[in-house]
Each structure stands twice: as structure tokens, then as C-alpha cells.
């Protein structure tokens, strides 16, 4: 019985102390009648923005009292670097043509791989300007008959296309 009484007594003491501290702290804080910051916070509603994906970036002026008109272009994550990849003719007999668009300057690597993922031929590996790019490659006597994959890597993006060689 002594143990049970001590246990309950300690919990009542903790609760009484918590209430006393709460009352002491609440009594020490005096709210001003002209303080409306809390009310503004309650009344404010989130404003709808017209452009959700825009980045607002304000730069300090170069000289005091001079406004800079320099525009800053920051690439967004949803912009594709490599688009419109076309391979023709497919199935390939002698010559393969690869056509693709690059949206900005990048290092491009074009390889032909076998079904196991081993590199067979590197068609192209260099830095290119933005715009449409064309590659023509003669596969006659360089690739045996079968299925291959053509991988185009531009920057951190890569696209794989299946080709068949007759």
C-alpha cells in the first residue's frame, strides 16, 4: 500500500507543478490591446499565385541607386536536355542514321550496346552545341546480325533505343 500511495502522490505532485508553472508563465505575459499581429496571422489567407513554378530572384544593384536589367536564366528540373531521338532505318542493313535535339550545350556520347549491356561501338563522343544533331554510321561488317541497343547520353540524361541489324 505504501508503494501505491507514493506512486500516486508523485503523479499528483508533477501535475500540480505543471499547472503552477503554466499559471506563473501566463500571468507574467501581458497582452497589449494594440497588438494585432496574432489577429493578422489568424485572418490571413494564402494568396493564389499566377505562376507556381517561377523562381523569384532579386539581385542587389551593382551600384547604389542603379537598377540592373540583366536577366538570369536558371535551368529548371523539368526541362529536357535531350529530345526528339530518331533512329532510321530500323532494321539496319548497312547505314544507321541517328537524329536528336539538344536544348543546350552538352557533352554527348552515342554508343551501341549488345543485349547484355556491353559496349560494342562508340559512334560519337564529344561536346555539341544546342540544336538538331545528325550522325551517320556504316555498320556493314562491324556488327553481326541481331538485336542491339543504341544509348545516347547527354549530360546526366540518357535514352535507349532498340535496333535490329540484318
N, C-alpha and C. Protein backbone atom coordinates (compact mmCIF):
# COMPACT_ATOMS: atom_id res chain seq x y z
N UNK A 1 0.81 -1.19 0.00
CA UNK A 1 0.00 0.00 0.00
C UNK A 1 0.85 1.25 0.00
N UNK A 2 1.98 1.23 0.64
CA UNK A 2 2.86 2.39 0.69
C UNK A 2 3.43 2.73 -0.68
N UNK A 3 3.73 1.69 -1.42
CA UNK A 3 4.29 1.90 -2.75
C UNK A 3 3.25 2.54 -3.67
N UNK A 4 2.01 2.10 -3.62
CA UNK A 4 0.94 2.64 -4.46
C UNK A 4 0.66 4.09 -4.09
N UNK A 5 0.67 4.40 -2.80
CA UNK A 5 0.42 5.76 -2.35
C UNK A 5 1.55 6.70 -2.82
N UNK A 6 2.78 6.26 -2.76
CA UNK A 6 3.92 7.06 -3.20
C UNK A 6 3.85 7.31 -4.71
N UNK A 7 3.46 6.30 -5.46
CA UNK A 7 3.35 6.43 -6.92
C UNK A 7 2.29 7.47 -7.28
N UNK A 8 1.10 7.38 -6.69
CA UNK A 8 0.03 8.35 -6.97
C UNK A 8 0.41 9.74 -6.48
N UNK A 9 1.04 9.81 -5.35
CA UNK A 9 1.44 11.09 -4.79
C UNK A 9 2.44 11.79 -5.71
N UNK A 10 3.37 11.04 -6.28
CA UNK A 10 4.35 11.65 -7.17
C UNK A 10 3.69 12.18 -8.45
N UNK A 11 2.68 11.47 -8.98
CA UNK A 11 1.99 11.96 -10.18
C UNK A 11 1.17 13.21 -9.87
N UNK A 12 0.51 13.24 -8.73
CA UNK A 12 -0.23 14.45 -8.35
C UNK A 12 0.71 15.63 -8.19
N UNK A 13 1.88 15.39 -7.65
CA UNK A 13 2.88 16.46 -7.47
C UNK A 13 3.35 16.98 -8.82
N UNK A 14 3.61 16.10 -9.76
CA UNK A 14 4.06 16.52 -11.10
C UNK A 14 2.98 17.33 -11.80
N UNK A 15 1.75 16.89 -11.72
CA UNK A 15 0.64 17.61 -12.37
C UNK A 15 0.43 18.97 -11.71
N UNK A 16 0.50 19.02 -10.38
CA UNK A 16 0.34 20.30 -9.67
C UNK A 16 1.46 21.27 -10.04
N UNK A 17 2.69 20.79 -10.16
CA UNK A 17 3.81 21.65 -10.56
C UNK A 17 3.62 22.16 -11.99
N UNK A 18 3.15 21.31 -12.90
CA UNK A 18 2.93 21.73 -14.29
C UNK A 18 1.86 22.81 -14.35
N UNK A 19 0.81 22.67 -13.58
CA UNK A 19 -0.25 23.70 -13.57
C UNK A 19 0.29 24.99 -12.97
N UNK A 20 1.08 24.90 -11.91
CA UNK A 20 1.63 26.10 -11.27
C UNK A 20 2.57 26.85 -12.21
N UNK A 21 3.41 26.13 -12.93
CA UNK A 21 4.33 26.77 -13.88
C UNK A 21 3.55 27.41 -15.01
N UNK A 22 2.52 26.75 -15.49
CA UNK A 22 1.70 27.29 -16.57
C UNK A 22 1.02 28.58 -16.14
N UNK A 23 0.46 28.60 -14.93
CA UNK A 23 -0.21 29.80 -14.43
C UNK A 23 0.80 30.93 -14.22
N UNK A 24 1.98 30.60 -13.70
CA UNK A 24 3.01 31.62 -13.45
C UNK A 24 3.48 32.25 -14.76
N UNK A 25 3.69 31.44 -15.78
CA UNK A 25 4.14 31.99 -17.05
C UNK A 25 3.03 32.77 -17.75
N UNK A 26 1.81 32.31 -17.64
CA UNK A 26 0.70 33.00 -18.29
C UNK A 26 0.42 34.33 -17.61
N UNK A 27 0.64 34.42 -16.32
CA UNK A 27 0.39 35.66 -15.60
C UNK A 27 1.46 36.70 -15.91
N UNK A 28 2.67 36.23 -16.20
CA UNK A 28 3.76 37.17 -16.50
C UNK A 28 3.64 37.80 -17.87
N UNK A 29 2.92 37.21 -18.81
CA UNK A 29 2.75 37.73 -20.15
C UNK A 29 1.49 38.57 -20.19
N UNK A 30 1.67 39.87 -20.48
CA UNK A 30 0.53 40.77 -20.56
C UNK A 30 0.33 41.11 -22.04
N UNK A 31 -0.83 40.77 -22.58
CA UNK A 31 -1.12 41.05 -23.98
C UNK A 31 -1.53 42.51 -24.12
N UNK A 32 -0.96 43.18 -25.12
CA UNK A 32 -1.31 44.57 -25.38
C UNK A 32 -2.58 44.62 -26.20
N UNK A 33 -3.37 45.67 -25.98
CA UNK A 33 -4.62 45.79 -26.73
C UNK A 33 -4.37 46.19 -28.17
N UNK A 34 -3.25 46.90 -28.45
CA UNK A 34 -2.99 47.32 -29.82
C UNK A 34 -2.13 46.31 -30.58
N UNK A 35 -1.78 45.21 -29.98
CA UNK A 35 -1.00 44.18 -30.65
C UNK A 35 -1.94 43.31 -31.48
N UNK A 36 -1.91 43.51 -32.80
CA UNK A 36 -2.82 42.77 -33.69
C UNK A 36 -2.06 41.79 -34.59
N UNK A 37 -0.78 41.55 -34.30
CA UNK A 37 -0.02 40.64 -35.16
C UNK A 37 -0.59 39.23 -35.11
N UNK A 38 -1.05 38.82 -33.92
CA UNK A 38 -1.65 37.49 -33.81
C UNK A 38 -2.97 37.42 -34.57
N UNK A 39 -3.75 38.51 -34.52
CA UNK A 39 -5.01 38.53 -35.25
C UNK A 39 -4.79 38.55 -36.75
N UNK A 40 -3.75 39.27 -37.21
CA UNK A 40 -3.44 39.29 -38.64
C UNK A 40 -3.04 37.90 -39.11
N UNK A 41 -2.32 37.20 -38.25
CA UNK A 41 -1.90 35.85 -38.61
C UNK A 41 -3.11 34.93 -38.74
N UNK A 42 -4.10 35.12 -37.89
CA UNK A 42 -5.30 34.29 -37.96
C UNK A 42 -6.17 34.64 -39.16
N UNK A 43 -6.25 35.92 -39.49
CA UNK A 43 -7.14 36.37 -40.57
C UNK A 43 -6.53 36.15 -41.96
N UNK A 44 -5.20 36.07 -42.05
CA UNK A 44 -4.57 35.98 -43.37
C UNK A 44 -4.89 34.66 -44.03
N UNK A 45 -5.14 34.73 -45.31
CA UNK A 45 -5.41 33.54 -46.11
C UNK A 45 -4.30 33.41 -47.14
N UNK A 46 -3.95 32.21 -47.53
CA UNK A 46 -2.91 32.07 -48.55
C UNK A 46 -3.36 32.68 -49.87
N UNK A 47 -2.46 33.45 -50.46
CA UNK A 47 -2.77 34.10 -51.74
C UNK A 47 -2.48 33.13 -52.87
N UNK A 48 -3.34 33.14 -53.85
CA UNK A 48 -3.14 32.30 -55.03
C UNK A 48 -2.13 32.97 -55.94
N UNK A 49 -1.14 32.22 -56.37
CA UNK A 49 -0.13 32.76 -57.27
C UNK A 49 -0.47 32.39 -58.70
N UNK A 50 -0.13 33.30 -59.60
CA UNK A 50 -0.39 33.03 -61.01
C UNK A 50 0.57 32.01 -61.58
N UNK A 51 1.85 32.14 -61.19
CA UNK A 51 2.87 31.25 -61.72
C UNK A 51 3.48 30.48 -60.57
N UNK A 52 3.17 29.21 -60.46
CA UNK A 52 3.64 28.42 -59.33
C UNK A 52 5.09 27.98 -59.52
N UNK A 53 5.54 27.80 -60.75
CA UNK A 53 6.86 27.25 -60.99
C UNK A 53 7.92 28.32 -61.26
N UNK A 54 7.60 29.58 -61.05
CA UNK A 54 8.58 30.62 -61.32
C UNK A 54 9.48 30.81 -60.12
N UNK A 55 10.69 31.22 -60.40
CA UNK A 55 11.66 31.46 -59.36
C UNK A 55 11.86 32.96 -59.24
N UNK A 56 11.54 33.52 -58.09
CA UNK A 56 11.70 34.95 -57.87
C UNK A 56 13.07 35.17 -57.27
N UNK A 57 13.92 35.84 -58.02
CA UNK A 57 15.29 36.06 -57.59
C UNK A 57 15.61 37.53 -57.74
N UNK A 58 15.84 38.23 -56.66
CA UNK A 58 16.17 39.64 -56.69
C UNK A 58 17.65 39.79 -56.38
N UNK A 59 18.37 40.42 -57.27
CA UNK A 59 19.78 40.66 -57.07
C UNK A 59 20.00 42.09 -56.61
N UNK A 60 20.98 42.32 -55.76
CA UNK A 60 21.25 43.69 -55.37
C UNK A 60 21.82 44.45 -56.55
N UNK A 61 21.57 45.76 -56.63
CA UNK A 61 22.11 46.53 -57.75
C UNK A 61 23.63 46.59 -57.69
N UNK A 62 24.23 46.74 -58.87
CA UNK A 62 25.69 46.79 -58.94
C UNK A 62 26.20 48.05 -58.24
N UNK A 63 25.57 49.17 -58.50
CA UNK A 63 25.91 50.42 -57.84
C UNK A 63 24.68 50.87 -57.06
N UNK A 64 24.87 51.59 -55.97
CA UNK A 64 23.70 52.07 -55.24
C UNK A 64 22.83 52.96 -56.12
N UNK A 65 21.52 52.78 -56.01
CA UNK A 65 20.51 53.56 -56.74
C UNK A 65 20.52 53.28 -58.23
N UNK A 66 21.12 52.16 -58.68
CA UNK A 66 21.12 51.77 -60.09
C UNK A 66 20.42 50.42 -60.18
N UNK A 67 19.45 50.31 -61.06
CA UNK A 67 18.70 49.07 -61.23
C UNK A 67 19.32 48.27 -62.36
N UNK A 68 19.61 47.01 -62.08
CA UNK A 68 20.20 46.12 -63.07
C UNK A 68 19.12 45.55 -63.97
N UNK A 69 19.39 45.47 -65.26
CA UNK A 69 18.43 44.89 -66.21
C UNK A 69 18.91 43.54 -66.73
N UNK A 70 19.90 42.95 -66.09
CA UNK A 70 20.43 41.66 -66.50
C UNK A 70 19.43 40.56 -66.19
N UNK A 71 19.13 39.74 -67.18
CA UNK A 71 18.22 38.62 -66.97
C UNK A 71 19.03 37.38 -66.65
N UNK A 72 18.53 36.61 -65.71
CA UNK A 72 19.20 35.41 -65.28
C UNK A 72 18.38 34.22 -65.75
N UNK A 73 19.05 33.28 -66.39
CA UNK A 73 18.38 32.06 -66.84
C UNK A 73 18.85 30.91 -65.98
N UNK A 74 17.93 30.32 -65.22
CA UNK A 74 18.24 29.19 -64.36
C UNK A 74 17.50 27.98 -64.91
N UNK A 75 18.24 26.92 -65.28
CA UNK A 75 17.55 25.75 -65.82
C UNK A 75 16.70 25.09 -64.76
N UNK A 76 15.49 24.70 -65.15
CA UNK A 76 14.58 24.03 -64.23
C UNK A 76 14.75 22.53 -64.38
N UNK A 77 14.33 21.80 -63.37
CA UNK A 77 14.49 20.35 -63.38
C UNK A 77 13.61 19.66 -64.41
N UNK A 78 12.50 20.29 -64.77
CA UNK A 78 11.59 19.63 -65.71
C UNK A 78 11.96 19.89 -67.17
N UNK A 79 13.03 20.67 -67.45
CA UNK A 79 13.48 20.89 -68.81
C UNK A 79 14.30 19.69 -69.28
N UNK A 80 13.97 19.19 -70.46
CA UNK A 80 14.70 18.05 -71.01
C UNK A 80 15.89 18.56 -71.82
N UNK A 81 17.02 17.93 -71.63
CA UNK A 81 18.22 18.29 -72.38
C UNK A 81 18.23 17.57 -73.73
N UNK A 82 17.74 16.35 -73.76
CA UNK A 82 17.78 15.51 -74.96
C UNK A 82 16.36 15.17 -75.38
N UNK A 83 15.99 15.58 -76.61
CA UNK A 83 14.63 15.32 -77.09
C UNK A 83 14.66 14.86 -78.54
N UNK A 84 13.52 14.36 -79.01
CA UNK A 84 13.27 14.01 -80.40
C UNK A 84 14.34 13.07 -80.98
N UNK A 85 14.57 11.95 -80.31
CA UNK A 85 15.56 10.98 -80.77
C UNK A 85 14.92 10.07 -81.81
N UNK A 86 15.54 10.02 -83.00
CA UNK A 86 15.05 9.18 -84.09
C UNK A 86 16.18 8.33 -84.64
N UNK A 87 15.89 7.06 -84.90
CA UNK A 87 16.86 6.15 -85.50
C UNK A 87 16.22 5.55 -86.74
N UNK A 88 16.88 5.68 -87.87
CA UNK A 88 16.33 5.14 -89.11
C UNK A 88 17.48 4.72 -90.02
N UNK A 89 17.30 3.77 -90.89
CA UNK A 89 16.21 2.80 -90.97
C UNK A 89 16.37 1.76 -89.86
N UNK A 90 15.29 1.24 -89.43
CA UNK A 90 15.32 0.19 -88.42
C UNK A 90 14.37 -0.90 -88.88
N UNK A 91 14.77 -2.06 -89.29
CA UNK A 91 16.05 -2.73 -89.11
C UNK A 91 17.15 -2.16 -90.01
N UNK A 92 18.37 -2.23 -89.51
CA UNK A 92 19.55 -1.66 -90.17
C UNK A 92 20.19 -2.74 -91.04
N UNK A 93 20.55 -2.33 -92.26
CA UNK A 93 21.28 -3.26 -93.12
C UNK A 93 22.73 -2.81 -93.32
N UNK A 94 22.93 -1.56 -93.70
CA UNK A 94 24.30 -1.07 -93.95
C UNK A 94 24.60 0.21 -93.18
N UNK A 95 23.72 1.20 -93.25
CA UNK A 95 23.97 2.52 -92.66
C UNK A 95 22.87 2.84 -91.65
N UNK A 96 23.27 3.37 -90.50
CA UNK A 96 22.31 3.79 -89.49
C UNK A 96 22.40 5.32 -89.35
N UNK A 97 21.24 5.96 -89.30
CA UNK A 97 21.17 7.41 -89.12
C UNK A 97 20.53 7.70 -87.76
N UNK A 98 21.15 8.57 -86.99
CA UNK A 98 20.65 8.96 -85.68
C UNK A 98 20.44 10.46 -85.70
N UNK A 99 19.25 10.87 -85.28
CA UNK A 99 18.89 12.29 -85.27
C UNK A 99 18.32 12.62 -83.89
N UNK A 100 18.78 13.74 -83.28
CA UNK A 100 18.30 14.14 -81.96
C UNK A 100 18.47 15.64 -81.78
N UNK A 101 17.76 16.19 -80.79
CA UNK A 101 17.85 17.61 -80.45
C UNK A 101 18.46 17.75 -79.07
N UNK A 102 19.33 18.74 -78.92
CA UNK A 102 19.93 19.08 -77.64
C UNK A 102 19.51 20.51 -77.31
N UNK A 103 18.92 20.73 -76.12
CA UNK A 103 18.38 22.05 -75.79
C UNK A 103 19.45 23.05 -75.36
N UNK A 104 20.61 22.59 -74.91
CA UNK A 104 21.72 23.49 -74.55
C UNK A 104 23.04 22.76 -74.78
N UNK A 105 24.14 23.48 -74.76
CA UNK A 105 25.45 22.87 -75.00
C UNK A 105 25.71 21.78 -73.98
N UNK A 106 26.17 20.61 -74.46
CA UNK A 106 26.40 19.49 -73.55
C UNK A 106 27.36 18.50 -74.19
N UNK A 107 27.92 17.63 -73.35
CA UNK A 107 28.76 16.54 -73.82
C UNK A 107 27.84 15.37 -74.17
N UNK A 108 27.93 14.89 -75.41
CA UNK A 108 27.05 13.82 -75.90
C UNK A 108 27.88 12.59 -76.21
N UNK A 109 27.37 11.44 -75.78
CA UNK A 109 28.03 10.17 -76.00
C UNK A 109 27.01 9.22 -76.62
N UNK A 110 27.28 8.67 -77.81
CA UNK A 110 26.37 7.76 -78.50
C UNK A 110 27.08 6.42 -78.66
N UNK A 111 26.47 5.36 -78.08
CA UNK A 111 27.10 4.04 -78.11
C UNK A 111 26.08 3.00 -78.58
N UNK A 112 26.61 1.93 -79.17
CA UNK A 112 25.80 0.75 -79.49
C UNK A 112 26.23 -0.34 -78.52
N UNK A 113 25.23 -0.94 -77.84
CA UNK A 113 25.49 -1.98 -76.85
C UNK A 113 24.77 -3.26 -77.26
N UNK A 114 25.32 -4.39 -76.82
CA UNK A 114 24.62 -5.65 -77.07
C UNK A 114 23.53 -5.84 -76.02
N UNK A 115 22.84 -6.97 -76.09
CA UNK A 115 21.70 -7.22 -75.21
C UNK A 115 22.14 -7.32 -73.75
N UNK A 116 23.38 -7.73 -73.49
CA UNK A 116 23.89 -7.86 -72.12
C UNK A 116 24.37 -6.52 -71.54
N UNK A 117 24.41 -5.47 -72.35
CA UNK A 117 24.84 -4.17 -71.86
C UNK A 117 26.30 -3.87 -72.10
N UNK A 118 26.99 -4.72 -72.83
CA UNK A 118 28.40 -4.49 -73.14
C UNK A 118 28.53 -3.49 -74.29
N UNK A 119 29.47 -2.56 -74.18
CA UNK A 119 29.70 -1.60 -75.26
C UNK A 119 30.32 -2.30 -76.45
N UNK A 120 29.69 -2.12 -77.62
CA UNK A 120 30.19 -2.74 -78.85
C UNK A 120 30.92 -1.70 -79.68
N UNK A 121 30.26 -0.56 -79.92
CA UNK A 121 30.83 0.51 -80.75
C UNK A 121 30.45 1.85 -80.13
N UNK A 122 31.41 2.78 -80.12
CA UNK A 122 31.11 4.16 -79.74
C UNK A 122 31.02 4.96 -81.02
N UNK A 123 29.82 5.46 -81.33
CA UNK A 123 29.60 6.20 -82.57
C UNK A 123 30.05 7.65 -82.46
N UNK A 124 29.85 8.25 -81.29
CA UNK A 124 30.08 9.68 -81.17
C UNK A 124 30.36 9.99 -79.70
N UNK A 125 31.35 10.84 -79.44
CA UNK A 125 31.67 11.21 -78.07
C UNK A 125 32.38 12.55 -78.08
N UNK A 126 31.60 13.63 -77.97
CA UNK A 126 32.18 14.98 -77.91
C UNK A 126 31.15 16.00 -77.50
N UNK A 127 31.58 17.23 -77.28
CA UNK A 127 30.70 18.32 -76.86
C UNK A 127 30.02 18.89 -78.11
N UNK A 128 28.70 19.15 -78.00
CA UNK A 128 27.93 19.67 -79.13
C UNK A 128 27.22 20.95 -78.72
N UNK A 129 26.89 21.76 -79.70
CA UNK A 129 26.11 22.97 -79.50
C UNK A 129 24.63 22.60 -79.44
N UNK A 130 23.81 23.54 -78.98
CA UNK A 130 22.37 23.25 -78.93
C UNK A 130 21.80 23.23 -80.34
N UNK A 131 20.71 22.47 -80.51
CA UNK A 131 20.05 22.35 -81.80
C UNK A 131 19.97 20.91 -82.25
N UNK A 132 19.60 20.73 -83.51
CA UNK A 132 19.44 19.39 -84.07
C UNK A 132 20.78 18.81 -84.49
N UNK A 133 21.01 17.55 -84.15
CA UNK A 133 22.27 16.86 -84.47
C UNK A 133 21.96 15.61 -85.28
N UNK A 134 22.84 15.29 -86.24
CA UNK A 134 22.69 14.11 -87.09
C UNK A 134 23.99 13.31 -87.07
N UNK A 135 23.86 11.98 -86.98
CA UNK A 135 25.02 11.08 -87.05
C UNK A 135 24.70 10.00 -88.06
N UNK A 136 25.64 9.73 -88.97
CA UNK A 136 25.52 8.64 -89.93
C UNK A 136 26.69 7.69 -89.70
N UNK A 137 26.40 6.38 -89.60
CA UNK A 137 27.44 5.41 -89.30
C UNK A 137 27.22 4.17 -90.17
N UNK A 138 28.31 3.67 -90.74
CA UNK A 138 28.27 2.48 -91.59
C UNK A 138 28.51 1.26 -90.71
N UNK A 139 27.50 0.41 -90.55
CA UNK A 139 27.60 -0.78 -89.69
C UNK A 139 27.96 -2.03 -90.48
N UNK A 140 28.19 -1.89 -91.78
CA UNK A 140 28.50 -3.03 -92.63
C UNK A 140 29.79 -3.69 -92.15
N UNK A 141 29.76 -5.01 -91.88
CA UNK A 141 30.88 -5.83 -91.42
C UNK A 141 31.41 -5.42 -90.04
N UNK A 142 30.73 -4.57 -89.31
CA UNK A 142 31.17 -4.18 -87.96
C UNK A 142 30.26 -4.77 -86.88
N UNK A 143 29.00 -5.01 -87.24
CA UNK A 143 28.06 -5.61 -86.30
C UNK A 143 27.49 -6.88 -86.91
N UNK A 144 27.38 -7.92 -86.11
CA UNK A 144 26.77 -9.15 -86.60
C UNK A 144 25.25 -9.02 -86.53
N UNK A 145 24.54 -9.95 -87.14
CA UNK A 145 23.08 -9.91 -87.12
C UNK A 145 22.59 -10.10 -85.70
N UNK A 146 21.52 -9.35 -85.34
CA UNK A 146 20.94 -9.50 -84.02
C UNK A 146 20.34 -8.20 -83.50
N UNK A 147 20.00 -8.21 -82.22
CA UNK A 147 19.42 -7.04 -81.59
C UNK A 147 20.47 -6.30 -80.78
N UNK A 148 20.42 -4.99 -80.86
CA UNK A 148 21.34 -4.13 -80.12
C UNK A 148 20.55 -2.96 -79.52
N UNK A 149 21.20 -2.23 -78.64
CA UNK A 149 20.62 -1.02 -78.07
C UNK A 149 21.54 0.15 -78.37
N UNK A 150 20.93 1.25 -78.77
CA UNK A 150 21.67 2.48 -79.02
C UNK A 150 21.40 3.40 -77.84
N UNK A 151 22.44 3.79 -77.11
CA UNK A 151 22.31 4.67 -75.94
C UNK A 151 22.89 6.03 -76.27
N UNK A 152 22.06 7.06 -76.11
CA UNK A 152 22.51 8.44 -76.28
C UNK A 152 22.52 9.09 -74.91
N UNK A 153 23.69 9.53 -74.45
CA UNK A 153 23.83 10.19 -73.16
C UNK A 153 24.23 11.64 -73.39
N UNK A 154 23.42 12.56 -72.86
CA UNK A 154 23.73 13.99 -72.94
C UNK A 154 23.66 14.55 -71.53
N UNK A 155 24.79 14.98 -71.01
CA UNK A 155 24.82 15.45 -69.63
C UNK A 155 24.51 14.29 -68.70
N UNK A 156 23.48 14.40 -67.87
CA UNK A 156 23.09 13.34 -66.96
C UNK A 156 21.89 12.55 -67.49
N UNK A 157 21.40 12.88 -68.67
CA UNK A 157 20.25 12.19 -69.26
C UNK A 157 20.73 11.13 -70.24
N UNK A 158 19.95 10.06 -70.33
CA UNK A 158 20.27 9.04 -71.34
C UNK A 158 18.97 8.46 -71.88
N UNK A 159 19.01 8.11 -73.16
CA UNK A 159 17.88 7.49 -73.84
C UNK A 159 18.38 6.25 -74.54
N UNK A 160 17.66 5.14 -74.35
CA UNK A 160 18.00 3.88 -75.01
C UNK A 160 16.96 3.55 -76.06
N UNK A 161 17.43 3.14 -77.24
CA UNK A 161 16.54 2.71 -78.31
C UNK A 161 17.02 1.35 -78.81
N UNK A 162 16.06 0.48 -79.14
CA UNK A 162 16.41 -0.86 -79.62
C UNK A 162 16.53 -0.79 -81.14
N UNK A 163 17.58 -1.44 -81.66
CA UNK A 163 17.78 -1.55 -83.11
C UNK A 163 18.02 -3.02 -83.44
N UNK A 164 17.67 -3.39 -84.65
CA UNK A 164 17.98 -4.75 -85.11
C UNK A 164 18.81 -4.65 -86.38
N UNK A 165 19.84 -5.47 -86.44
CA UNK A 165 20.77 -5.48 -87.57
C UNK A 165 20.53 -6.74 -88.37
N UNK A 166 20.31 -6.55 -89.69
CA UNK A 166 20.08 -7.69 -90.60
C UNK A 166 21.32 -8.01 -91.38
